[in-house]
């Protein structure tokens, strides 16, 4: 499951680098990911759902990264105050 979803996401990003979103079809995604249509629909409703899930994932990663970076800065500031 994790490997398949990763493959689909990577295929979608690859397609986005080479085509506009409106020109990408589910068929393009499954052809690039080398999966069957039912496998795609097992995880995603359509390309919009895939795009939304991927965007949410990237946003969560960015939030986590920024939280860690600012936490690190706060910790450093405390060392200098003491």
PDB file of N, CA and C in Angstrom:
ATOM      1  N   UNK A   1       0.819  -1.189   0.000  1.00  0.00           N
ATOM      2  CA  UNK A   1       0.000   0.000   0.000  1.00  0.00           C
ATOM      3  C   UNK A   1       0.866   1.256   0.000  1.00  0.00           C
ATOM      4  N   UNK A   2       1.784   1.376   0.945  1.00  0.00           N
ATOM      5  CA  UNK A   2       2.620   2.573   1.045  1.00  0.00           C
ATOM      6  C   UNK A   2       3.449   2.744  -0.218  1.00  0.00           C
ATOM      7  N   UNK A   3       4.017   1.649  -0.723  1.00  0.00           N
ATOM      8  CA  UNK A   3       4.831   1.709  -1.927  1.00  0.00           C
ATOM      9  C   UNK A   3       3.993   2.122  -3.136  1.00  0.00           C
ATOM     10  N   UNK A   4       2.785   1.599  -3.232  1.00  0.00           N
ATOM     11  CA  UNK A   4       1.901   1.928  -4.350  1.00  0.00           C
ATOM     12  C   UNK A   4       1.513   3.402  -4.314  1.00  0.00           C
ATOM     13  N   UNK A   5       1.112   3.889  -3.145  1.00  0.00           N
ATOM     14  CA  UNK A   5       0.723   5.294  -3.035  1.00  0.00           C
ATOM     15  C   UNK A   5       1.903   6.212  -3.330  1.00  0.00           C
ATOM     16  N   UNK A   6       3.078   5.833  -2.881  1.00  0.00           N
ATOM     17  CA  UNK A   6       4.275   6.626  -3.163  1.00  0.00           C
ATOM     18  C   UNK A   6       4.531   6.667  -4.664  1.00  0.00           C
ATOM     19  N   UNK A   7       4.380   5.534  -5.306  1.00  0.00           N
ATOM     20  CA  UNK A   7       4.571   5.441  -6.744  1.00  0.00           C
ATOM     21  C   UNK A   7       3.573   6.331  -7.491  1.00  0.00           C
ATOM     22  N   UNK A   8       2.323   6.302  -7.066  1.00  0.00           N
ATOM     23  CA  UNK A   8       1.293   7.131  -7.706  1.00  0.00           C
ATOM     24  C   UNK A   8       1.628   8.609  -7.523  1.00  0.00           C
ATOM     25  N   UNK A   9       2.001   8.995  -6.319  1.00  0.00           N
ATOM     26  CA  UNK A   9       2.336  10.399  -6.044  1.00  0.00           C
ATOM     27  C   UNK A   9       3.537  10.848  -6.868  1.00  0.00           C
ATOM     28  N   UNK A  10       4.560  10.018  -6.921  1.00  0.00           N
ATOM     29  CA  UNK A  10       5.750  10.367  -7.704  1.00  0.00           C
ATOM     30  C   UNK A  10       5.410  10.470  -9.190  1.00  0.00           C
ATOM     31  N   UNK A  11       4.567   9.592  -9.666  1.00  0.00           N
ATOM     32  CA  UNK A  11       4.146   9.637 -11.066  1.00  0.00           C
ATOM     33  C   UNK A  11       3.360  10.907 -11.351  1.00  0.00           C
ATOM     34  N   UNK A  12       2.493  11.279 -10.427  1.00  0.00           N
ATOM     35  CA  UNK A  12       1.696  12.486 -10.583  1.00  0.00           C
ATOM     36  C   UNK A  12       2.591  13.724 -10.610  1.00  0.00           C
ATOM     37  N   UNK A  13       3.552  13.796  -9.705  1.00  0.00           N
ATOM     38  CA  UNK A  13       4.480  14.930  -9.679  1.00  0.00           C
ATOM     39  C   UNK A  13       5.283  14.977 -10.975  1.00  0.00           C
ATOM     40  N   UNK A  14       5.737  13.823 -11.449  1.00  0.00           N
ATOM     41  CA  UNK A  14       6.458  13.762 -12.723  1.00  0.00           C
ATOM     42  C   UNK A  14       5.592  14.331 -13.855  1.00  0.00           C
ATOM     43  N   UNK A  15       4.346  13.911 -13.895  1.00  0.00           N
ATOM     44  CA  UNK A  15       3.438  14.408 -14.934  1.00  0.00           C
ATOM     45  C   UNK A  15       3.226  15.912 -14.815  1.00  0.00           C
ATOM     46  N   UNK A  16       3.112  16.407 -13.578  1.00  0.00           N
ATOM     47  CA  UNK A  16       2.930  17.849 -13.369  1.00  0.00           C
ATOM     48  C   UNK A  16       4.138  18.647 -13.857  1.00  0.00           C
ATOM     49  N   UNK A  17       5.301  18.033 -13.820  1.00  0.00           N
ATOM     50  CA  UNK A  17       6.506  18.708 -14.305  1.00  0.00           C
ATOM     51  C   UNK A  17       6.516  18.809 -15.831  1.00  0.00           C
ATOM     52  N   UNK A  18       5.719  17.948 -16.477  1.00  0.00           N
ATOM     53  CA  UNK A  18       5.749  17.875 -17.933  1.00  0.00           C
ATOM     54  C   UNK A  18       4.446  18.281 -18.627  1.00  0.00           C
ATOM     55  N   UNK A  19       3.372  18.406 -17.858  1.00  0.00           N
ATOM     56  CA  UNK A  19       2.070  18.756 -18.423  1.00  0.00           C
ATOM     57  C   UNK A  19       1.348  19.681 -17.461  1.00  0.00           C
ATOM     58  N   UNK A  20       0.351  20.380 -17.972  1.00  0.00           N
ATOM     59  CA  UNK A  20      -0.468  21.175 -17.063  1.00  0.00           C
ATOM     60  C   UNK A  20      -1.471  20.245 -16.376  1.00  0.00           C
ATOM     61  N   UNK A  21      -1.930  20.646 -15.207  1.00  0.00           N
ATOM     62  CA  UNK A  21      -2.844  19.818 -14.429  1.00  0.00           C
ATOM     63  C   UNK A  21      -4.079  19.448 -15.241  1.00  0.00           C
ATOM     64  N   UNK A  22      -4.618  20.407 -15.972  1.00  0.00           N
ATOM     65  CA  UNK A  22      -5.850  20.143 -16.725  1.00  0.00           C
ATOM     66  C   UNK A  22      -5.660  19.093 -17.817  1.00  0.00           C
ATOM     67  N   UNK A  23      -4.429  18.914 -18.264  1.00  0.00           N
ATOM     68  CA  UNK A  23      -4.154  17.939 -19.320  1.00  0.00           C
ATOM     69  C   UNK A  23      -3.831  16.542 -18.787  1.00  0.00           C
ATOM     70  N   UNK A  24      -3.677  16.416 -17.498  1.00  0.00           N
ATOM     71  CA  UNK A  24      -3.355  15.114 -16.904  1.00  0.00           C
ATOM     72  C   UNK A  24      -4.646  14.341 -16.651  1.00  0.00           C
ATOM     73  N   UNK A  25      -4.646  13.097 -17.069  1.00  0.00           N
ATOM     74  CA  UNK A  25      -5.806  12.228 -16.855  1.00  0.00           C
ATOM     75  C   UNK A  25      -5.431  11.114 -15.881  1.00  0.00           C
ATOM     76  N   UNK A  26      -6.448  10.474 -15.350  1.00  0.00           N
ATOM     77  CA  UNK A  26      -6.194   9.311 -14.495  1.00  0.00           C
ATOM     78  C   UNK A  26      -5.452   8.260 -15.318  1.00  0.00           C
ATOM     79  N   UNK A  27      -5.796   8.132 -16.581  1.00  0.00           N
ATOM     80  CA  UNK A  27      -5.111   7.166 -17.440  1.00  0.00           C
ATOM     81  C   UNK A  27      -3.620   7.476 -17.527  1.00  0.00           C
ATOM     82  N   UNK A  28      -3.260   8.765 -17.649  1.00  0.00           N
ATOM     83  CA  UNK A  28      -1.838   9.148 -17.656  1.00  0.00           C
ATOM     84  C   UNK A  28      -1.153   8.712 -16.371  1.00  0.00           C
ATOM     85  N   UNK A  29      -1.844   8.924 -15.264  1.00  0.00           N
ATOM     86  CA  UNK A  29      -1.266   8.604 -13.956  1.00  0.00           C
ATOM     87  C   UNK A  29      -1.052   7.098 -13.823  1.00  0.00           C
ATOM     88  N   UNK A  30      -2.065   6.311 -14.168  1.00  0.00           N
ATOM     89  CA  UNK A  30      -1.926   4.865 -13.995  1.00  0.00           C
ATOM     90  C   UNK A  30      -0.924   4.282 -14.995  1.00  0.00           C
ATOM     91  N   UNK A  31      -0.846   4.872 -16.181  1.00  0.00           N
ATOM     92  CA  UNK A  31       0.158   4.412 -17.154  1.00  0.00           C
ATOM     93  C   UNK A  31       1.571   4.701 -16.653  1.00  0.00           C
ATOM     94  N   UNK A  32       1.766   5.881 -16.107  1.00  0.00           N
ATOM     95  CA  UNK A  32       3.090   6.272 -15.609  1.00  0.00           C
ATOM     96  C   UNK A  32       3.467   5.470 -14.369  1.00  0.00           C
ATOM     97  N   UNK A  33       2.480   5.232 -13.498  1.00  0.00           N
ATOM     98  CA  UNK A  33       2.734   4.497 -12.255  1.00  0.00           C
ATOM     99  C   UNK A  33       2.762   2.980 -12.467  1.00  0.00           C
ATOM    100  N   UNK A  34       2.358   2.543 -13.652  1.00  0.00           N
ATOM    101  CA  UNK A  34       2.302   1.112 -13.975  1.00  0.00           C
ATOM    102  C   UNK A  34       1.409   0.340 -12.998  1.00  0.00           C
ATOM    103  N   UNK A  35       0.225   0.897 -12.779  1.00  0.00           N
ATOM    104  CA  UNK A  35      -0.763   0.240 -11.926  1.00  0.00           C
ATOM    105  C   UNK A  35      -2.069   0.090 -12.708  1.00  0.00           C
ATOM    106  N   UNK A  36      -2.982  -0.653 -12.143  1.00  0.00           N
ATOM    107  CA  UNK A  36      -4.287  -0.834 -12.764  1.00  0.00           C
ATOM    108  C   UNK A  36      -5.264   0.210 -12.222  1.00  0.00           C
ATOM    109  N   UNK A  37      -6.265   0.527 -13.015  1.00  0.00           N
ATOM    110  CA  UNK A  37      -7.257   1.533 -12.650  1.00  0.00           C
ATOM    111  C   UNK A  37      -7.891   1.264 -11.272  1.00  0.00           C
ATOM    112  N   UNK A  38      -8.323   0.018 -10.976  1.00  0.00           N
ATOM    113  CA  UNK A  38      -8.928  -0.219  -9.650  1.00  0.00           C
ATOM    114  C   UNK A  38      -7.978   0.104  -8.495  1.00  0.00           C
ATOM    115  N   UNK A  39      -6.683  -0.086  -8.714  1.00  0.00           N
ATOM    116  CA  UNK A  39      -5.707   0.243  -7.672  1.00  0.00           C
ATOM    117  C   UNK A  39      -5.706   1.736  -7.408  1.00  0.00           C
ATOM    118  N   UNK A  40      -5.738   2.535  -8.469  1.00  0.00           N
ATOM    119  CA  UNK A  40      -5.793   3.993  -8.298  1.00  0.00           C
ATOM    120  C   UNK A  40      -7.032   4.378  -7.501  1.00  0.00           C
ATOM    121  N   UNK A  41      -8.187   3.839  -7.908  1.00  0.00           N
ATOM    122  CA  UNK A  41      -9.446   4.211  -7.265  1.00  0.00           C
ATOM    123  C   UNK A  41      -9.604   3.619  -5.858  1.00  0.00           C
ATOM    124  N   UNK A  42      -8.755   2.703  -5.511  1.00  0.00           N
ATOM    125  CA  UNK A  42      -8.747   2.176  -4.141  1.00  0.00           C
ATOM    126  C   UNK A  42      -8.296   3.268  -3.162  1.00  0.00           C
ATOM    127  N   UNK A  43      -7.427   4.159  -3.624  1.00  0.00           N
ATOM    128  CA  UNK A  43      -6.849   5.189  -2.771  1.00  0.00           C
ATOM    129  C   UNK A  43      -7.342   6.604  -3.058  1.00  0.00           C
ATOM    130  N   UNK A  44      -7.784   6.866  -4.286  1.00  0.00           N
ATOM    131  CA  UNK A  44      -8.160   8.225  -4.685  1.00  0.00           C
ATOM    132  C   UNK A  44      -9.474   8.217  -5.453  1.00  0.00           C
ATOM    133  N   UNK A  45     -10.278   9.267  -5.253  1.00  0.00           N
ATOM    134  CA  UNK A  45     -11.543   9.396  -5.981  1.00  0.00           C
ATOM    135  C   UNK A  45     -11.302   9.800  -7.430  1.00  0.00           C
ATOM    136  N   UNK A  46     -10.326  10.687  -7.614  1.00  0.00           N
ATOM    137  CA  UNK A  46      -9.995  11.208  -8.937  1.00  0.00           C
ATOM    138  C   UNK A  46      -8.680  11.977  -8.830  1.00  0.00           C
ATOM    139  N   UNK A  47      -8.276  12.637  -9.892  1.00  0.00           N
ATOM    140  CA  UNK A  47      -6.996  13.352  -9.862  1.00  0.00           C
ATOM    141  C   UNK A  47      -7.047  14.537  -8.906  1.00  0.00           C
ATOM    142  N   UNK A  48      -8.224  15.084  -8.695  1.00  0.00           N
ATOM    143  CA  UNK A  48      -8.371  16.204  -7.764  1.00  0.00           C
ATOM    144  C   UNK A  48      -8.145  15.746  -6.319  1.00  0.00           C
ATOM    145  N   UNK A  49      -8.660  14.581  -5.996  1.00  0.00           N
ATOM    146  CA  UNK A  49      -8.443  14.011  -4.668  1.00  0.00           C
ATOM    147  C   UNK A  49      -6.959  13.722  -4.454  1.00  0.00           C
ATOM    148  N   UNK A  50      -6.313  13.175  -5.457  1.00  0.00           N
ATOM    149  CA  UNK A  50      -4.871  12.925  -5.380  1.00  0.00           C
ATOM    150  C   UNK A  50      -4.122  14.233  -5.163  1.00  0.00           C
ATOM    151  N   UNK A  51      -4.457  15.259  -5.932  1.00  0.00           N
ATOM    152  CA  UNK A  51      -3.795  16.559  -5.797  1.00  0.00           C
ATOM    153  C   UNK A  51      -4.016  17.149  -4.403  1.00  0.00           C
ATOM    154  N   UNK A  52      -5.231  17.015  -3.885  1.00  0.00           N
ATOM    155  CA  UNK A  52      -5.535  17.545  -2.557  1.00  0.00           C
ATOM    156  C   UNK A  52      -4.763  16.792  -1.476  1.00  0.00           C
ATOM    157  N   UNK A  53      -4.737  15.467  -1.558  1.00  0.00           N
ATOM    158  CA  UNK A  53      -3.999  14.681  -0.561  1.00  0.00           C
ATOM    159  C   UNK A  53      -2.508  14.997  -0.605  1.00  0.00           C
ATOM    160  N   UNK A  54      -1.972  15.136  -1.804  1.00  0.00           N
ATOM    161  CA  UNK A  54      -0.554  15.441  -1.955  1.00  0.00           C
ATOM    162  C   UNK A  54      -0.252  16.841  -1.416  1.00  0.00           C
ATOM    163  N   UNK A  55      -1.113  17.801  -1.716  1.00  0.00           N
ATOM    164  CA  UNK A  55      -0.941  19.165  -1.199  1.00  0.00           C
ATOM    165  C   UNK A  55      -0.994  19.168   0.324  1.00  0.00           C
ATOM    166  N   UNK A  56      -1.962  18.465   0.886  1.00  0.00           N
ATOM    167  CA  UNK A  56      -2.078  18.388   2.354  1.00  0.00           C
ATOM    168  C   UNK A  56      -0.819  17.782   2.966  1.00  0.00           C
ATOM    169  N   UNK A  57      -0.292  16.764   2.301  1.00  0.00           N
ATOM    170  CA  UNK A  57       0.926  16.110   2.796  1.00  0.00           C
ATOM    171  C   UNK A  57       2.105  17.079   2.786  1.00  0.00           C
ATOM    172  N   UNK A  58       2.262  17.823   1.694  1.00  0.00           N
ATOM    173  CA  UNK A  58       3.353  18.791   1.597  1.00  0.00           C
ATOM    174  C   UNK A  58       3.204  19.904   2.633  1.00  0.00           C
ATOM    175  N   UNK A  59       1.973  20.352   2.848  1.00  0.00           N
ATOM    176  CA  UNK A  59       1.728  21.403   3.833  1.00  0.00           C
ATOM    177  C   UNK A  59       2.075  20.897   5.229  1.00  0.00           C
ATOM    178  N   UNK A  60       1.684  19.683   5.555  1.00  0.00           N
ATOM    179  CA  UNK A  60       2.010  19.105   6.871  1.00  0.00           C
ATOM    180  C   UNK A  60       3.515  18.973   7.045  1.00  0.00           C
ATOM    181  N   UNK A  61       4.213  18.547   5.999  1.00  0.00           N
ATOM    182  CA  UNK A  61       5.669  18.422   6.077  1.00  0.00           C
ATOM    183  C   UNK A  61       6.309  19.788   6.309  1.00  0.00           C
ATOM    184  N   UNK A  62       5.811  20.811   5.610  1.00  0.00           N
ATOM    185  CA  UNK A  62       6.355  22.160   5.770  1.00  0.00           C
ATOM    186  C   UNK A  62       6.097  22.676   7.178  1.00  0.00           C
ATOM    187  N   UNK A  63       4.884  22.458   7.695  1.00  0.00           N
ATOM    188  CA  UNK A  63       4.558  22.893   9.059  1.00  0.00           C
ATOM    189  C   UNK A  63       5.467  22.214  10.077  1.00  0.00           C
ATOM    190  N   UNK A  64       5.650  20.923   9.914  1.00  0.00           N
ATOM    191  CA  UNK A  64       6.492  20.163  10.837  1.00  0.00           C
ATOM    192  C   UNK A  64       7.932  20.672  10.784  1.00  0.00           C
ATOM    193  N   UNK A  65       8.440  20.901   9.581  1.00  0.00           N
ATOM    194  CA  UNK A  65       9.798  21.403   9.410  1.00  0.00           C
ATOM    195  C   UNK A  65       9.955  22.767  10.084  1.00  0.00           C
ATOM    196  N   UNK A  66       9.001  23.664   9.820  1.00  0.00           N
ATOM    197  CA  UNK A  66       9.085  25.008  10.401  1.00  0.00           C
ATOM    198  C   UNK A  66       8.965  24.974  11.916  1.00  0.00           C
ATOM    199  N   UNK A  67       8.088  24.127  12.416  1.00  0.00           N
ATOM    200  CA  UNK A  67       7.929  23.993  13.864  1.00  0.00           C
ATOM    201  C   UNK A  67       9.241  23.538  14.491  1.00  0.00           C
ATOM    202  N   UNK A  68       9.877  22.540  13.879  1.00  0.00           N
ATOM    203  CA  UNK A  68      11.158  22.046  14.397  1.00  0.00           C
ATOM    204  C   UNK A  68      12.238  23.126  14.329  1.00  0.00           C
ATOM    205  N   UNK A  69      12.269  23.871  13.230  1.00  0.00           N
ATOM    206  CA  UNK A  69      13.293  24.911  13.066  1.00  0.00           C
ATOM    207  C   UNK A  69      13.114  26.021  14.087  1.00  0.00           C
ATOM    208  N   UNK A  70      11.870  26.455  14.303  1.00  0.00           N
ATOM    209  CA  UNK A  70      11.635  27.521  15.273  1.00  0.00           C
ATOM    210  C   UNK A  70      11.842  27.025  16.694  1.00  0.00           C
ATOM    211  N   UNK A  71      11.522  25.769  16.951  1.00  0.00           N
ATOM    212  CA  UNK A  71      11.774  25.176  18.266  1.00  0.00           C
ATOM    213  C   UNK A  71      13.276  25.186  18.537  1.00  0.00           C
ATOM    214  N   UNK A  72      14.046  24.844  17.524  1.00  0.00           N
ATOM    215  CA  UNK A  72      15.499  24.840  17.643  1.00  0.00           C
ATOM    216  C   UNK A  72      16.006  26.253  17.951  1.00  0.00           C
ATOM    217  N   UNK A  73      15.422  27.251  17.300  1.00  0.00           N
ATOM    218  CA  UNK A  73      15.828  28.637  17.543  1.00  0.00           C
ATOM    219  C   UNK A  73      15.444  29.068  18.949  1.00  0.00           C
ATOM    220  N   UNK A  74      14.253  28.679  19.417  1.00  0.00           N
ATOM    221  CA  UNK A  74      13.824  29.008  20.776  1.00  0.00           C
ATOM    222  C   UNK A  74      14.767  28.392  21.795  1.00  0.00           C
ATOM    223  N   UNK A  75      15.162  27.131  21.557  1.00  0.00           N
ATOM    224  CA  UNK A  75      16.084  26.454  22.462  1.00  0.00           C
ATOM    225  C   UNK A  75      17.421  27.180  22.513  1.00  0.00           C
ATOM    226  N   UNK A  76      17.896  27.660  21.363  1.00  0.00           N
ATOM    227  CA  UNK A  76      19.167  28.369  21.309  1.00  0.00           C
ATOM    228  C   UNK A  76      19.052  29.698  22.042  1.00  0.00           C
ATOM    229  N   UNK A  77      17.931  30.394  21.889  1.00  0.00           N
ATOM    230  CA  UNK A  77      17.730  31.682  22.573  1.00  0.00           C
ATOM    231  C   UNK A  77      17.765  31.478  24.083  1.00  0.00           C
ATOM    232  N   UNK A  78      17.191  30.390  24.571  1.00  0.00           N
ATOM    233  CA  UNK A  78      17.184  30.126  26.013  1.00  0.00           C
ATOM    234  C   UNK A  78      18.589  29.928  26.540  1.00  0.00           C
ATOM    235  N   UNK A  79      19.438  29.305  25.749  1.00  0.00           N
ATOM    236  CA  UNK A  79      20.818  29.068  26.173  1.00  0.00           C
ATOM    237  C   UNK A  79      21.528  30.399  26.361  1.00  0.00           C
ATOM    238  N   UNK A  80      21.268  31.358  25.485  1.00  0.00           N
ATOM    239  CA  UNK A  80      21.941  32.652  25.578  1.00  0.00           C
ATOM    240  C   UNK A  80      21.397  33.506  26.713  1.00  0.00           C
ATOM    241  N   UNK A  81      20.139  33.313  27.062  1.00  0.00           N
ATOM    242  CA  UNK A  81      19.529  34.089  28.126  1.00  0.00           C
ATOM    243  C   UNK A  81      20.072  33.655  29.480  1.00  0.00           C
ATOM    244  N   UNK A  82      20.318  32.393  29.660  1.00  0.00           N
ATOM    245  CA  UNK A  82      20.754  31.842  30.935  1.00  0.00           C
ATOM    246  C   UNK A  82      22.128  32.270  31.278  1.00  0.00           C
TER     247      UNK A  82
END
